[in-house]
Amino acid sequence: MLKGKTSSGFEFEIPDSRCNNMELLDALSAMDQGDSAQLSAVLNLLFTKEQKKALYEHLRTPEGNVPVDKVGQELKEMFESNALGKNC
């Protein structure tokens, strides 16, 4: 289990089994090549439905929106953290 906390305070847990996934690698590769629409697929592959919902609620604006750039920033922090960067 990979655990961590982003600078905004979002605590995440990712089961080790979710990192060893070719579909995750494909989605990350597509994102790296500019396909930002893969962000949703990456989140679905990394998180449970409950954890993805918790991330969205954590980032939700007073107007009710979940900013795409903030979600991307959180994911980037997770990958740059020691826990996720070394194991995923």
PDB file of N, CA and C in Angstrom:
ATOM      1  N   MET A   1       0.848  -1.173   0.000  1.00  0.00           N
ATOM      2  CA  MET A   1       0.000   0.000   0.000  1.00  0.00           C
ATOM      3  C   MET A   1       0.893   1.235   0.000  1.00  0.00           C
ATOM      4  N   LEU A   2       0.652   2.109  -0.945  1.00  0.00           N
ATOM      5  CA  LEU A   2       1.383   3.376  -1.020  1.00  0.00           C
ATOM      6  C   LEU A   2       0.526   4.454  -0.388  1.00  0.00           C
ATOM      7  N   LYS A   3       1.093   5.166   0.558  1.00  0.00           N
ATOM      8  CA  LYS A   3       0.360   6.218   1.246  1.00  0.00           C
ATOM      9  C   LYS A   3       1.141   7.517   1.162  1.00  0.00           C
ATOM     10  N   GLY A   4       0.424   8.612   1.144  1.00  0.00           N
ATOM     11  CA  GLY A   4       1.075   9.903   1.135  1.00  0.00           C
ATOM     12  C   GLY A   4       0.070  11.014   1.343  1.00  0.00           C
ATOM     13  N   LYS A   5       0.583  12.236   1.296  1.00  0.00           N
ATOM     14  CA  LYS A   5      -0.245  13.422   1.492  1.00  0.00           C
ATOM     15  C   LYS A   5       0.302  14.521   0.599  1.00  0.00           C
ATOM     16  N   THR A   6      -0.578  15.137  -0.173  1.00  0.00           N
ATOM     17  CA  THR A   6      -0.158  16.229  -1.044  1.00  0.00           C
ATOM     18  C   THR A   6      -0.030  17.519  -0.240  1.00  0.00           C
ATOM     19  N   SER A   7       0.546  18.524  -0.846  1.00  0.00           N
ATOM     20  CA  SER A   7       0.734  19.803  -0.155  1.00  0.00           C
ATOM     21  C   SER A   7      -0.591  20.484   0.164  1.00  0.00           C
ATOM     22  N   SER A   8      -1.652  20.128  -0.548  1.00  0.00           N
ATOM     23  CA  SER A   8      -2.969  20.706  -0.266  1.00  0.00           C
ATOM     24  C   SER A   8      -3.670  19.968   0.867  1.00  0.00           C
ATOM     25  N   GLY A   9      -3.060  18.851   1.292  1.00  0.00           N
ATOM     26  CA  GLY A   9      -3.623  18.102   2.409  1.00  0.00           C
ATOM     27  C   GLY A   9      -4.393  16.858   2.031  1.00  0.00           C
ATOM     28  N   PHE A  10      -4.430  16.512   0.747  1.00  0.00           N
ATOM     29  CA  PHE A  10      -5.149  15.299   0.349  1.00  0.00           C
ATOM     30  C   PHE A  10      -4.317  14.071   0.682  1.00  0.00           C
ATOM     31  N   GLU A  11      -4.899  13.175   1.468  1.00  0.00           N
ATOM     32  CA  GLU A  11      -4.230  11.934   1.824  1.00  0.00           C
ATOM     33  C   GLU A  11      -4.675  10.840   0.862  1.00  0.00           C
ATOM     34  N   PHE A  12      -3.704  10.119   0.312  1.00  0.00           N
ATOM     35  CA  PHE A  12      -4.029   9.077  -0.663  1.00  0.00           C
ATOM     36  C   PHE A  12      -3.438   7.747  -0.252  1.00  0.00           C
ATOM     37  N   GLU A  13      -4.104   6.691  -0.702  1.00  0.00           N
ATOM     38  CA  GLU A  13      -3.640   5.323  -0.522  1.00  0.00           C
ATOM     39  C   GLU A  13      -3.854   4.599  -1.841  1.00  0.00           C
ATOM     40  N   ILE A  14      -2.815   3.966  -2.323  1.00  0.00           N
ATOM     41  CA  ILE A  14      -2.899   3.246  -3.589  1.00  0.00           C
ATOM     42  C   ILE A  14      -2.382   1.837  -3.365  1.00  0.00           C
ATOM     43  N   PRO A  15      -3.237   0.834  -3.588  1.00  0.00           N
ATOM     44  CA  PRO A  15      -2.779  -0.542  -3.437  1.00  0.00           C
ATOM     45  C   PRO A  15      -1.645  -0.842  -4.417  1.00  0.00           C
ATOM     46  N   ASP A  16      -0.644  -1.595  -3.965  1.00  0.00           N
ATOM     47  CA  ASP A  16       0.499  -1.937  -4.814  1.00  0.00           C
ATOM     48  C   ASP A  16       0.070  -2.564  -6.132  1.00  0.00           C
ATOM     49  N   SER A  17      -0.995  -3.342  -6.092  1.00  0.00           N
ATOM     50  CA  SER A  17      -1.450  -4.036  -7.300  1.00  0.00           C
ATOM     51  C   SER A  17      -1.893  -3.087  -8.400  1.00  0.00           C
ATOM     52  N   ARG A  18      -2.289  -1.889  -8.046  1.00  0.00           N
ATOM     53  CA  ARG A  18      -2.749  -0.939  -9.065  1.00  0.00           C
ATOM     54  C   ARG A  18      -1.598  -0.343  -9.863  1.00  0.00           C
ATOM     55  N   CYS A  19      -0.398  -0.402  -9.337  1.00  0.00           N
ATOM     56  CA  CYS A  19       0.757   0.171 -10.036  1.00  0.00           C
ATOM     57  C   CYS A  19       1.311  -0.754 -11.115  1.00  0.00           C
ATOM     58  N   ASN A  20       1.174  -2.037 -10.922  1.00  0.00           N
ATOM     59  CA  ASN A  20       1.689  -3.020 -11.878  1.00  0.00           C
ATOM     60  C   ASN A  20       0.606  -3.295 -12.912  1.00  0.00           C
ATOM     61  N   ASN A  21       0.359  -2.319 -13.781  1.00  0.00           N
ATOM     62  CA  ASN A  21      -0.763  -2.376 -14.704  1.00  0.00           C
ATOM     63  C   ASN A  21      -0.371  -1.739 -16.036  1.00  0.00           C
ATOM     64  N   MET A  22      -0.384  -2.524 -17.064  1.00  0.00           N
ATOM     65  CA  MET A  22      -0.003  -2.033 -18.386  1.00  0.00           C
ATOM     66  C   MET A  22      -0.939  -0.932 -18.875  1.00  0.00           C
ATOM     67  N   GLU A  23      -2.222  -1.030 -18.534  1.00  0.00           N
ATOM     68  CA  GLU A  23      -3.154   0.013 -18.950  1.00  0.00           C
ATOM     69  C   GLU A  23      -2.807   1.349 -18.297  1.00  0.00           C
ATOM     70  N   LEU A  24      -2.320   1.303 -17.071  1.00  0.00           N
ATOM     71  CA  LEU A  24      -1.869   2.523 -16.407  1.00  0.00           C
ATOM     72  C   LEU A  24      -0.677   3.111 -17.149  1.00  0.00           C
ATOM     73  N   LEU A  25       0.267   2.267 -17.507  1.00  0.00           N
ATOM     74  CA  LEU A  25       1.435   2.728 -18.256  1.00  0.00           C
ATOM     75  C   LEU A  25       1.022   3.332 -19.594  1.00  0.00           C
ATOM     76  N   ASP A  26       0.086   2.696 -20.277  1.00  0.00           N
ATOM     77  CA  ASP A  26      -0.410   3.225 -21.555  1.00  0.00           C
ATOM     78  C   ASP A  26      -1.030   4.614 -21.367  1.00  0.00           C
ATOM     79  N   ALA A  27      -1.865   4.757 -20.337  1.00  0.00           N
ATOM     80  CA  ALA A  27      -2.540   6.030 -20.091  1.00  0.00           C
ATOM     81  C   ALA A  27      -1.537   7.114 -19.708  1.00  0.00           C
ATOM     82  N   LEU A  28      -0.561   6.757 -18.882  1.00  0.00           N
ATOM     83  CA  LEU A  28       0.465   7.725 -18.494  1.00  0.00           C
ATOM     84  C   LEU A  28       1.311   8.141 -19.693  1.00  0.00           C
ATOM     85  N   SER A  29       1.619   7.185 -20.548  1.00  0.00           N
ATOM     86  CA  SER A  29       2.393   7.485 -21.751  1.00  0.00           C
ATOM     87  C   SER A  29       1.617   8.427 -22.669  1.00  0.00           C
ATOM     88  N   ALA A  30       0.329   8.168 -22.821  1.00  0.00           N
ATOM     89  CA  ALA A  30      -0.506   9.032 -23.657  1.00  0.00           C
ATOM     90  C   ALA A  30      -0.573  10.446 -23.073  1.00  0.00           C
ATOM     91  N   MET A  31      -0.677  10.537 -21.750  1.00  0.00           N
ATOM     92  CA  MET A  31      -0.681  11.865 -21.108  1.00  0.00           C
ATOM     93  C   MET A  31       0.639  12.579 -21.359  1.00  0.00           C
ATOM     94  N   ASP A  32       1.732  11.833 -21.257  1.00  0.00           N
ATOM     95  CA  ASP A  32       3.059  12.413 -21.472  1.00  0.00           C
ATOM     96  C   ASP A  32       3.213  12.930 -22.899  1.00  0.00           C
ATOM     97  N   GLN A  33       2.465  12.341 -23.825  1.00  0.00           N
ATOM     98  CA  GLN A  33       2.520  12.761 -25.221  1.00  0.00           C
ATOM     99  C   GLN A  33       1.477  13.832 -25.537  1.00  0.00           C
ATOM    100  N   GLY A  34       0.826  14.351 -24.487  1.00  0.00           N
ATOM    101  CA  GLY A  34      -0.078  15.470 -24.683  1.00  0.00           C
ATOM    102  C   GLY A  34      -1.560  15.163 -24.643  1.00  0.00           C
ATOM    103  N   ASP A  35      -1.938  13.923 -24.434  1.00  0.00           N
ATOM    104  CA  ASP A  35      -3.354  13.555 -24.392  1.00  0.00           C
ATOM    105  C   ASP A  35      -3.884  13.728 -22.969  1.00  0.00           C
ATOM    106  N   SER A  36      -4.259  14.948 -22.631  1.00  0.00           N
ATOM    107  CA  SER A  36      -4.698  15.246 -21.268  1.00  0.00           C
ATOM    108  C   SER A  36      -6.013  14.568 -20.909  1.00  0.00           C
ATOM    109  N   ALA A  37      -6.744  14.088 -21.897  1.00  0.00           N
ATOM    110  CA  ALA A  37      -7.992  13.380 -21.628  1.00  0.00           C
ATOM    111  C   ALA A  37      -7.744  12.054 -20.897  1.00  0.00           C
ATOM    112  N   GLN A  38      -6.505  11.589 -20.904  1.00  0.00           N
ATOM    113  CA  GLN A  38      -6.163  10.343 -20.207  1.00  0.00           C
ATOM    114  C   GLN A  38      -6.101  10.518 -18.692  1.00  0.00           C
ATOM    115  N   LEU A  39      -6.176  11.756 -18.223  1.00  0.00           N
ATOM    116  CA  LEU A  39      -6.121  12.005 -16.781  1.00  0.00           C
ATOM    117  C   LEU A  39      -7.201  11.218 -16.049  1.00  0.00           C
ATOM    118  N   SER A  40      -8.392  11.216 -16.582  1.00  0.00           N
ATOM    119  CA  SER A  40      -9.491  10.482 -15.955  1.00  0.00           C
ATOM    120  C   SER A  40      -9.201   8.984 -15.909  1.00  0.00           C
ATOM    121  N   ALA A  41      -8.653   8.441 -16.980  1.00  0.00           N
ATOM    122  CA  ALA A  41      -8.309   7.011 -17.004  1.00  0.00           C
ATOM    123  C   ALA A  41      -7.244   6.687 -15.965  1.00  0.00           C
ATOM    124  N   VAL A  42      -6.253   7.548 -15.840  1.00  0.00           N
ATOM    125  CA  VAL A  42      -5.186   7.340 -14.851  1.00  0.00           C
ATOM    126  C   VAL A  42      -5.782   7.317 -13.447  1.00  0.00           C
ATOM    127  N   LEU A  43      -6.654   8.262 -13.154  1.00  0.00           N
ATOM    128  CA  LEU A  43      -7.287   8.303 -11.834  1.00  0.00           C
ATOM    129  C   LEU A  43      -8.092   7.040 -11.576  1.00  0.00           C
ATOM    130  N   ASN A  44      -8.831   6.589 -12.587  1.00  0.00           N
ATOM    131  CA  ASN A  44      -9.627   5.367 -12.429  1.00  0.00           C
ATOM    132  C   ASN A  44      -8.758   4.140 -12.205  1.00  0.00           C
ATOM    133  N   LEU A  45      -7.595   4.120 -12.802  1.00  0.00           N
ATOM    134  CA  LEU A  45      -6.696   2.976 -12.643  1.00  0.00           C
ATOM    135  C   LEU A  45      -5.941   2.999 -11.320  1.00  0.00           C
ATOM    136  N   LEU A  46      -5.678   4.178 -10.801  1.00  0.00           N
ATOM    137  CA  LEU A  46      -4.935   4.291  -9.548  1.00  0.00           C
ATOM    138  C   LEU A  46      -5.816   4.188  -8.309  1.00  0.00           C
ATOM    139  N   PHE A  47      -6.989   4.801  -8.350  1.00  0.00           N
ATOM    140  CA  PHE A  47      -7.814   4.946  -7.157  1.00  0.00           C
ATOM    141  C   PHE A  47      -9.080   4.112  -7.194  1.00  0.00           C
ATOM    142  N   THR A  48      -9.596   3.843  -6.008  1.00  0.00           N
ATOM    143  CA  THR A  48     -10.933   3.282  -5.909  1.00  0.00           C
ATOM    144  C   THR A  48     -11.920   4.397  -6.240  1.00  0.00           C
ATOM    145  N   LYS A  49     -13.165   4.030  -6.490  1.00  0.00           N
ATOM    146  CA  LYS A  49     -14.183   5.052  -6.770  1.00  0.00           C
ATOM    147  C   LYS A  49     -14.314   6.019  -5.595  1.00  0.00           C
ATOM    148  N   GLU A  50     -14.229   5.472  -4.390  1.00  0.00           N
ATOM    149  CA  GLU A  50     -14.376   6.304  -3.200  1.00  0.00           C
ATOM    150  C   GLU A  50     -13.232   7.303  -3.073  1.00  0.00           C
ATOM    151  N   GLN A  51     -12.015   6.851  -3.357  1.00  0.00           N
ATOM    152  CA  GLN A  51     -10.872   7.748  -3.216  1.00  0.00           C
ATOM    153  C   GLN A  51     -10.869   8.821  -4.309  1.00  0.00           C
ATOM    154  N   LYS A  52     -11.273   8.449  -5.509  1.00  0.00           N
ATOM    155  CA  LYS A  52     -11.371   9.442  -6.580  1.00  0.00           C
ATOM    156  C   LYS A  52     -12.410  10.499  -6.210  1.00  0.00           C
ATOM    157  N   LYS A  53     -13.537  10.056  -5.674  1.00  0.00           N
ATOM    158  CA  LYS A  53     -14.574  10.987  -5.245  1.00  0.00           C
ATOM    159  C   LYS A  53     -14.045  11.897  -4.136  1.00  0.00           C
ATOM    160  N   ALA A  54     -13.286  11.335  -3.209  1.00  0.00           N
ATOM    161  CA  ALA A  54     -12.711  12.130  -2.118  1.00  0.00           C
ATOM    162  C   ALA A  54     -11.752  13.191  -2.667  1.00  0.00           C
ATOM    163  N   LEU A  55     -10.962  12.830  -3.686  1.00  0.00           N
ATOM    164  CA  LEU A  55     -10.057  13.802  -4.306  1.00  0.00           C
ATOM    165  C   LEU A  55     -10.860  14.934  -4.937  1.00  0.00           C
ATOM    166  N   TYR A  56     -11.904  14.580  -5.668  1.00  0.00           N
ATOM    167  CA  TYR A  56     -12.733  15.600  -6.307  1.00  0.00           C
ATOM    168  C   TYR A  56     -13.363  16.512  -5.259  1.00  0.00           C
ATOM    169  N   GLU A  57     -13.871  15.954  -4.183  1.00  0.00           N
ATOM    170  CA  GLU A  57     -14.484  16.767  -3.133  1.00  0.00           C
ATOM    171  C   GLU A  57     -13.443  17.672  -2.472  1.00  0.00           C
ATOM    172  N   HIS A  58     -12.250  17.158  -2.320  1.00  0.00           N
ATOM    173  CA  HIS A  58     -11.162  17.941  -1.728  1.00  0.00           C
ATOM    174  C   HIS A  58     -10.833  19.170  -2.580  1.00  0.00           C
ATOM    175  N   LEU A  59     -10.958  19.028  -3.880  1.00  0.00           N
ATOM    176  CA  LEU A  59     -10.571  20.098  -4.808  1.00  0.00           C
ATOM    177  C   LEU A  59     -11.744  20.946  -5.299  1.00  0.00           C
ATOM    178  N   ARG A  60     -12.958  20.548  -4.950  1.00  0.00           N
ATOM    179  CA  ARG A  60     -14.152  21.238  -5.449  1.00  0.00           C
ATOM    180  C   ARG A  60     -14.143  22.717  -5.038  1.00  0.00           C
ATOM    181  N   THR A  61     -14.458  23.582  -5.989  1.00  0.00           N
ATOM    182  CA  THR A  61     -14.511  25.032  -5.734  1.00  0.00           C
ATOM    183  C   THR A  61     -15.858  25.387  -5.092  1.00  0.00           C
ATOM    184  N   PRO A  62     -15.970  26.589  -4.538  1.00  0.00           N
ATOM    185  CA  PRO A  62     -17.257  27.024  -3.985  1.00  0.00           C
ATOM    186  C   PRO A  62     -18.376  27.025  -5.026  1.00  0.00           C
ATOM    187  N   GLU A  63     -18.003  27.160  -6.286  1.00  0.00           N
ATOM    188  CA  GLU A  63     -19.001  27.145  -7.369  1.00  0.00           C
ATOM    189  C   GLU A  63     -19.429  25.731  -7.732  1.00  0.00           C
ATOM    190  N   GLY A  64     -18.739  24.726  -7.191  1.00  0.00           N
ATOM    191  CA  GLY A  64     -19.108  23.338  -7.445  1.00  0.00           C
ATOM    192  C   GLY A  64     -18.291  22.629  -8.502  1.00  0.00           C
ATOM    193  N   ASN A  65     -17.302  23.293  -9.061  1.00  0.00           N
ATOM    194  CA  ASN A  65     -16.462  22.695 -10.108  1.00  0.00           C
ATOM    195  C   ASN A  65     -15.248  22.003  -9.509  1.00  0.00           C
ATOM    196  N   VAL A  66     -14.757  21.014 -10.234  1.00  0.00           N
ATOM    197  CA  VAL A  66     -13.496  20.369  -9.877  1.00  0.00           C
ATOM    198  C   VAL A  66     -12.504  20.758 -10.969  1.00  0.00           C
ATOM    199  N   PRO A  67     -11.583  21.678 -10.681  1.00  0.00           N
ATOM    200  CA  PRO A  67     -10.665  22.175 -11.707  1.00  0.00           C
ATOM    201  C   PRO A  67      -9.717  21.093 -12.227  1.00  0.00           C
ATOM    202  N   VAL A  68      -9.694  20.947 -13.521  1.00  0.00           N
ATOM    203  CA  VAL A  68      -8.834  19.951 -14.159  1.00  0.00           C
ATOM    204  C   VAL A  68      -7.371  20.193 -13.804  1.00  0.00           C
ATOM    205  N   ASP A  69      -6.953  21.449 -13.823  1.00  0.00           N
ATOM    206  CA  ASP A  69      -5.546  21.746 -13.548  1.00  0.00           C
ATOM    207  C   ASP A  69      -5.165  21.368 -12.114  1.00  0.00           C
ATOM    208  N   LYS A  70      -6.090  21.520 -11.188  1.00  0.00           N
ATOM    209  CA  LYS A  70      -5.806  21.155  -9.794  1.00  0.00           C
ATOM    210  C   LYS A  70      -5.692  19.646  -9.643  1.00  0.00           C
ATOM    211  N   VAL A  71      -6.542  18.900 -10.349  1.00  0.00           N
ATOM    212  CA  VAL A  71      -6.464  17.440 -10.312  1.00  0.00           C
ATOM    213  C   VAL A  71      -5.119  16.995 -10.870  1.00  0.00           C
ATOM    214  N   GLY A  72      -4.717  17.571 -11.985  1.00  0.00           N
ATOM    215  CA  GLY A  72      -3.420  17.251 -12.581  1.00  0.00           C
ATOM    216  C   GLY A  72      -2.266  17.581 -11.657  1.00  0.00           C
ATOM    217  N   GLN A  73      -2.376  18.702 -10.968  1.00  0.00           N
ATOM    218  CA  GLN A  73      -1.329  19.109 -10.036  1.00  0.00           C
ATOM    219  C   GLN A  73      -1.223  18.121  -8.874  1.00  0.00           C
ATOM    220  N   GLU A  74      -2.356  17.684  -8.358  1.00  0.00           N
ATOM    221  CA  GLU A  74      -2.347  16.705  -7.263  1.00  0.00           C
ATOM    222  C   GLU A  74      -1.709  15.398  -7.721  1.00  0.00           C
ATOM    223  N   LEU A  75      -2.084  14.936  -8.916  1.00  0.00           N
ATOM    224  CA  LEU A  75      -1.527  13.698  -9.440  1.00  0.00           C
ATOM    225  C   LEU A  75      -0.015  13.822  -9.629  1.00  0.00           C
ATOM    226  N   LYS A  76       0.411  14.958 -10.137  1.00  0.00           N
ATOM    227  CA  LYS A  76       1.845  15.192 -10.325  1.00  0.00           C
ATOM    228  C   LYS A  76       2.580  15.122  -8.991  1.00  0.00           C
ATOM    229  N   GLU A  77       2.010  15.737  -7.969  1.00  0.00           N
ATOM    230  CA  GLU A  77       2.630  15.676  -6.639  1.00  0.00           C
ATOM    231  C   GLU A  77       2.729  14.240  -6.138  1.00  0.00           C
ATOM    232  N   MET A  78       1.687  13.464  -6.392  1.00  0.00           N
ATOM    233  CA  MET A  78       1.700  12.070  -5.948  1.00  0.00           C
ATOM    234  C   MET A  78       2.829  11.302  -6.622  1.00  0.00           C
ATOM    235  N   PHE A  79       3.007  11.540  -7.912  1.00  0.00           N
ATOM    236  CA  PHE A  79       4.076  10.848  -8.635  1.00  0.00           C
ATOM    237  C   PHE A  79       5.453  11.343  -8.228  1.00  0.00           C
ATOM    238  N   GLU A  80       5.532  12.593  -7.853  1.00  0.00           N
ATOM    239  CA  GLU A  80       6.835  13.126  -7.451  1.00  0.00           C
ATOM    240  C   GLU A  80       7.183  12.780  -6.013  1.00  0.00           C
ATOM    241  N   SER A  81       6.196  12.334  -5.245  1.00  0.00           N
ATOM    242  CA  SER A  81       6.479  11.938  -3.868  1.00  0.00           C
ATOM    243  C   SER A  81       7.333  10.684  -3.879  1.00  0.00           C
ATOM    244  N   ASN A  82       8.087  10.486  -2.852  1.00  0.00           N
ATOM    245  CA  ASN A  82       8.939   9.303  -2.766  1.00  0.00           C
ATOM    246  C   ASN A  82       8.148   8.017  -2.879  1.00  0.00           C
ATOM    247  N   ALA A  83       7.001   7.964  -2.257  1.00  0.00           N
ATOM    248  CA  ALA A  83       6.227   6.723  -2.225  1.00  0.00           C
ATOM    249  C   ALA A  83       5.791   6.294  -3.620  1.00  0.00           C
ATOM    250  N   LEU A  84       5.117   7.147  -4.332  1.00  0.00           N
ATOM    251  CA  LEU A  84       4.561   6.764  -5.624  1.00  0.00           C
ATOM    252  C   LEU A  84       5.618   6.786  -6.722  1.00  0.00           C
ATOM    253  N   GLY A  85       6.530   7.695  -6.666  1.00  0.00           N
ATOM    254  CA  GLY A  85       7.545   7.812  -7.709  1.00  0.00           C
ATOM    255  C   GLY A  85       8.444   6.594  -7.814  1.00  0.00           C
ATOM    256  N   LYS A  86       8.691   5.929  -6.710  1.00  0.00           N
ATOM    257  CA  LYS A  86       9.574   4.777  -6.731  1.00  0.00           C
ATOM    258  C   LYS A  86       8.864   3.473  -7.052  1.00  0.00           C
ATOM    259  N   ASN A  87       7.560   3.440  -6.831  1.00  0.00           N
ATOM    260  CA  ASN A  87       6.838   2.192  -6.948  1.00  0.00           C
ATOM    261  C   ASN A  87       5.828   2.144  -8.060  1.00  0.00           C
ATOM    262  N   CYS A  88       5.539   3.235  -8.707  1.00  0.00           N
ATOM    263  CA  CYS A  88       4.546   3.244  -9.771  1.00  0.00           C
ATOM    264  C   CYS A  88       5.169   3.765 -11.051  1.00  0.00           C
TER     265      CYS A  88
END
